[in-house]
Amino acid sequence: MAIVAVSIAPVGGEASVSRFVAEALRVLEDYPQIEVQPGPMFTILEGDLDEIFVAIRGMQEAVFDAGAVRVSTVMKIDDRRDRELTMKGKMDSVGRHMNR
């Protein structure tokens, strides 16, 4: 399982990108097995990495379909193989360190 932070936005055009973000997030409705945590600058995805890559490609296409002529995509991938990796587990670990 992997955790991926992704930001997809049109380049140029209008200043607000929220309508494009909404279109990209709609794509994720077709991937119920991917855990989704939207944020103000990145969306966090948790699941099978190959499936996440396919979903991100669909998200990019949705932004193009919404009228963008150029799209910028940034991804950060955390793919841990020695034990189960989850968003909750990572946050719980940080919380334990904060409560020392």
C-alpha atoms as a PDB file:
ATOM      1  CA  MET A   1       0.000   0.000   0.000  1.00  0.00           C
ATOM      2  CA  ALA A   2       1.205   3.507  -0.794  1.00  0.00           C
ATOM      3  CA  ILE A   3       0.348   7.039   0.209  1.00  0.00           C
ATOM      4  CA  VAL A   4       0.494   9.654  -2.550  1.00  0.00           C
ATOM      5  CA  ALA A   5       0.125  13.416  -2.295  1.00  0.00           C
ATOM      6  CA  VAL A   6      -1.076  14.837  -5.606  1.00  0.00           C
ATOM      7  CA  SER A   7      -1.775  18.341  -6.850  1.00  0.00           C
ATOM      8  CA  ILE A   8      -3.293  18.800 -10.304  1.00  0.00           C
ATOM      9  CA  ALA A   9      -4.038  22.266 -11.643  1.00  0.00           C
ATOM     10  CA  PRO A  10      -4.371  24.067 -14.963  1.00  0.00           C
ATOM     11  CA  VAL A  11      -1.553  26.376 -15.966  1.00  0.00           C
ATOM     12  CA  GLY A  12      -2.575  29.865 -17.105  1.00  0.00           C
ATOM     13  CA  GLY A  13      -6.085  31.165 -17.396  1.00  0.00           C
ATOM     14  CA  GLU A  14      -8.204  32.054 -14.385  1.00  0.00           C
ATOM     15  CA  ALA A  15      -6.780  32.504 -10.876  1.00  0.00           C
ATOM     16  CA  SER A  16      -9.227  30.161  -9.122  1.00  0.00           C
ATOM     17  CA  VAL A  17      -8.738  26.457  -9.772  1.00  0.00           C
ATOM     18  CA  SER A  18     -11.448  25.039  -7.489  1.00  0.00           C
ATOM     19  CA  ARG A  19     -13.754  24.006 -10.339  1.00  0.00           C
ATOM     20  CA  PHE A  20     -10.895  22.048 -11.919  1.00  0.00           C
ATOM     21  CA  VAL A  21     -10.038  20.426  -8.585  1.00  0.00           C
ATOM     22  CA  ALA A  22     -13.674  19.388  -8.193  1.00  0.00           C
ATOM     23  CA  GLU A  23     -13.611  17.704 -11.610  1.00  0.00           C
ATOM     24  CA  ALA A  24     -10.414  15.856 -10.705  1.00  0.00           C
ATOM     25  CA  LEU A  25     -11.876  14.705  -7.380  1.00  0.00           C
ATOM     26  CA  ARG A  26     -15.005  13.393  -9.128  1.00  0.00           C
ATOM     27  CA  VAL A  27     -12.799  10.875 -10.930  1.00  0.00           C
ATOM     28  CA  LEU A  28     -11.895   9.316  -7.579  1.00  0.00           C
ATOM     29  CA  GLU A  29     -15.523   8.305  -7.065  1.00  0.00           C
ATOM     30  CA  ASP A  30     -14.770   5.526  -9.572  1.00  0.00           C
ATOM     31  CA  TYR A  31     -12.034   4.190  -7.260  1.00  0.00           C
ATOM     32  CA  PRO A  32     -13.755   3.272  -3.977  1.00  0.00           C
ATOM     33  CA  GLN A  33     -10.764   1.178  -2.917  1.00  0.00           C
ATOM     34  CA  ILE A  34      -8.559   4.305  -2.810  1.00  0.00           C
ATOM     35  CA  GLU A  35      -8.810   6.262   0.437  1.00  0.00           C
ATOM     36  CA  VAL A  36      -9.052   9.995  -0.354  1.00  0.00           C
ATOM     37  CA  GLN A  37      -8.253  12.956   1.897  1.00  0.00           C
ATOM     38  CA  PRO A  38      -8.674  16.287   0.074  1.00  0.00           C
ATOM     39  CA  GLY A  39      -6.661  19.225   1.370  1.00  0.00           C
ATOM     40  CA  PRO A  40      -6.227  22.904   0.529  1.00  0.00           C
ATOM     41  CA  MET A  41      -3.151  22.338  -1.657  1.00  0.00           C
ATOM     42  CA  PHE A  42      -2.771  18.564  -2.143  1.00  0.00           C
ATOM     43  CA  THR A  43      -5.073  15.564  -2.122  1.00  0.00           C
ATOM     44  CA  ILE A  44      -3.758  12.509  -0.285  1.00  0.00           C
ATOM     45  CA  LEU A  45      -4.490   9.089  -1.780  1.00  0.00           C
ATOM     46  CA  GLU A  46      -3.949   5.755  -0.011  1.00  0.00           C
ATOM     47  CA  GLY A  47      -4.084   2.415  -1.768  1.00  0.00           C
ATOM     48  CA  ASP A  48      -2.462   0.239  -4.400  1.00  0.00           C
ATOM     49  CA  LEU A  49       0.172   2.312  -6.195  1.00  0.00           C
ATOM     50  CA  ASP A  50      -0.643   1.020  -9.687  1.00  0.00           C
ATOM     51  CA  GLU A  51      -4.299   1.850  -9.160  1.00  0.00           C
ATOM     52  CA  ILE A  52      -3.419   5.304  -7.827  1.00  0.00           C
ATOM     53  CA  PHE A  53      -1.346   5.993 -10.960  1.00  0.00           C
ATOM     54  CA  VAL A  54      -4.334   5.094 -13.149  1.00  0.00           C
ATOM     55  CA  ALA A  55      -6.609   7.308 -11.051  1.00  0.00           C
ATOM     56  CA  ILE A  56      -4.201  10.246 -11.267  1.00  0.00           C
ATOM     57  CA  ARG A  57      -4.062   9.909 -15.035  1.00  0.00           C
ATOM     58  CA  GLY A  58      -7.852  10.070 -15.075  1.00  0.00           C
ATOM     59  CA  MET A  59      -7.760  13.132 -12.831  1.00  0.00           C
ATOM     60  CA  GLN A  60      -5.434  14.884 -15.276  1.00  0.00           C
ATOM     61  CA  GLU A  61      -7.743  14.087 -18.176  1.00  0.00           C
ATOM     62  CA  ALA A  62     -10.712  15.453 -16.211  1.00  0.00           C
ATOM     63  CA  VAL A  63      -8.914  18.788 -15.827  1.00  0.00           C
ATOM     64  CA  PHE A  64      -8.246  18.865 -19.575  1.00  0.00           C
ATOM     65  CA  ASP A  65     -11.876  17.935 -20.243  1.00  0.00           C
ATOM     66  CA  ALA A  66     -12.930  20.867 -18.029  1.00  0.00           C
ATOM     67  CA  GLY A  67     -11.206  23.252 -20.423  1.00  0.00           C
ATOM     68  CA  ALA A  68      -7.552  23.410 -19.411  1.00  0.00           C
ATOM     69  CA  VAL A  69      -5.048  23.445 -22.260  1.00  0.00           C
ATOM     70  CA  ARG A  70      -2.034  22.855 -20.012  1.00  0.00           C
ATOM     71  CA  VAL A  71      -1.975  20.923 -16.731  1.00  0.00           C
ATOM     72  CA  SER A  72       0.668  20.752 -14.010  1.00  0.00           C
ATOM     73  CA  THR A  73       0.754  17.646 -11.809  1.00  0.00           C
ATOM     74  CA  VAL A  74       2.918  17.209  -8.713  1.00  0.00           C
ATOM     75  CA  MET A  75       3.141  13.871  -6.888  1.00  0.00           C
ATOM     76  CA  LYS A  76       4.939  12.776  -3.750  1.00  0.00           C
ATOM     77  CA  ILE A  77       4.908   9.007  -3.120  1.00  0.00           C
ATOM     78  CA  ASP A  78       5.498   7.160   0.158  1.00  0.00           C
ATOM     79  CA  ASP A  79       5.687   3.444  -0.698  1.00  0.00           C
ATOM     80  CA  ARG A  80       6.804   1.449   2.346  1.00  0.00           C
ATOM     81  CA  ARG A  81       7.396  -2.280   1.924  1.00  0.00           C
ATOM     82  CA  ASP A  82       8.501  -3.420   5.394  1.00  0.00           C
ATOM     83  CA  ARG A  83       5.119  -2.915   7.089  1.00  0.00           C
ATOM     84  CA  GLU A  84       1.585  -1.638   6.544  1.00  0.00           C
ATOM     85  CA  LEU A  85       1.501   2.072   5.724  1.00  0.00           C
ATOM     86  CA  THR A  86      -1.642   4.135   6.271  1.00  0.00           C
ATOM     87  CA  MET A  87      -2.463   7.807   6.630  1.00  0.00           C
ATOM     88  CA  LYS A  88      -3.916   7.149  10.081  1.00  0.00           C
ATOM     89  CA  GLY A  89      -0.868   5.195  11.185  1.00  0.00           C
ATOM     90  CA  LYS A  90       1.466   7.997  10.134  1.00  0.00           C
ATOM     91  CA  MET A  91      -0.596  10.596  11.978  1.00  0.00           C
ATOM     92  CA  ASP A  92      -0.858   8.389  15.074  1.00  0.00           C
ATOM     93  CA  SER A  93       2.931   8.065  15.096  1.00  0.00           C
ATOM     94  CA  VAL A  94       3.381  11.840  14.928  1.00  0.00           C
ATOM     95  CA  GLY A  95       0.830  12.221  17.739  1.00  0.00           C
ATOM     96  CA  ARG A  96       2.771   9.836  19.981  1.00  0.00           C
ATOM     97  CA  HIS A  97       5.900  11.908  19.454  1.00  0.00           C
ATOM     98  CA  MET A  98       4.019  15.155  20.169  1.00  0.00           C
ATOM     99  CA  ASN A  99       2.689  13.784  23.472  1.00  0.00           C
ATOM    100  CA  ARG A 100       6.097  12.925  24.944  1.00  0.00           C
END
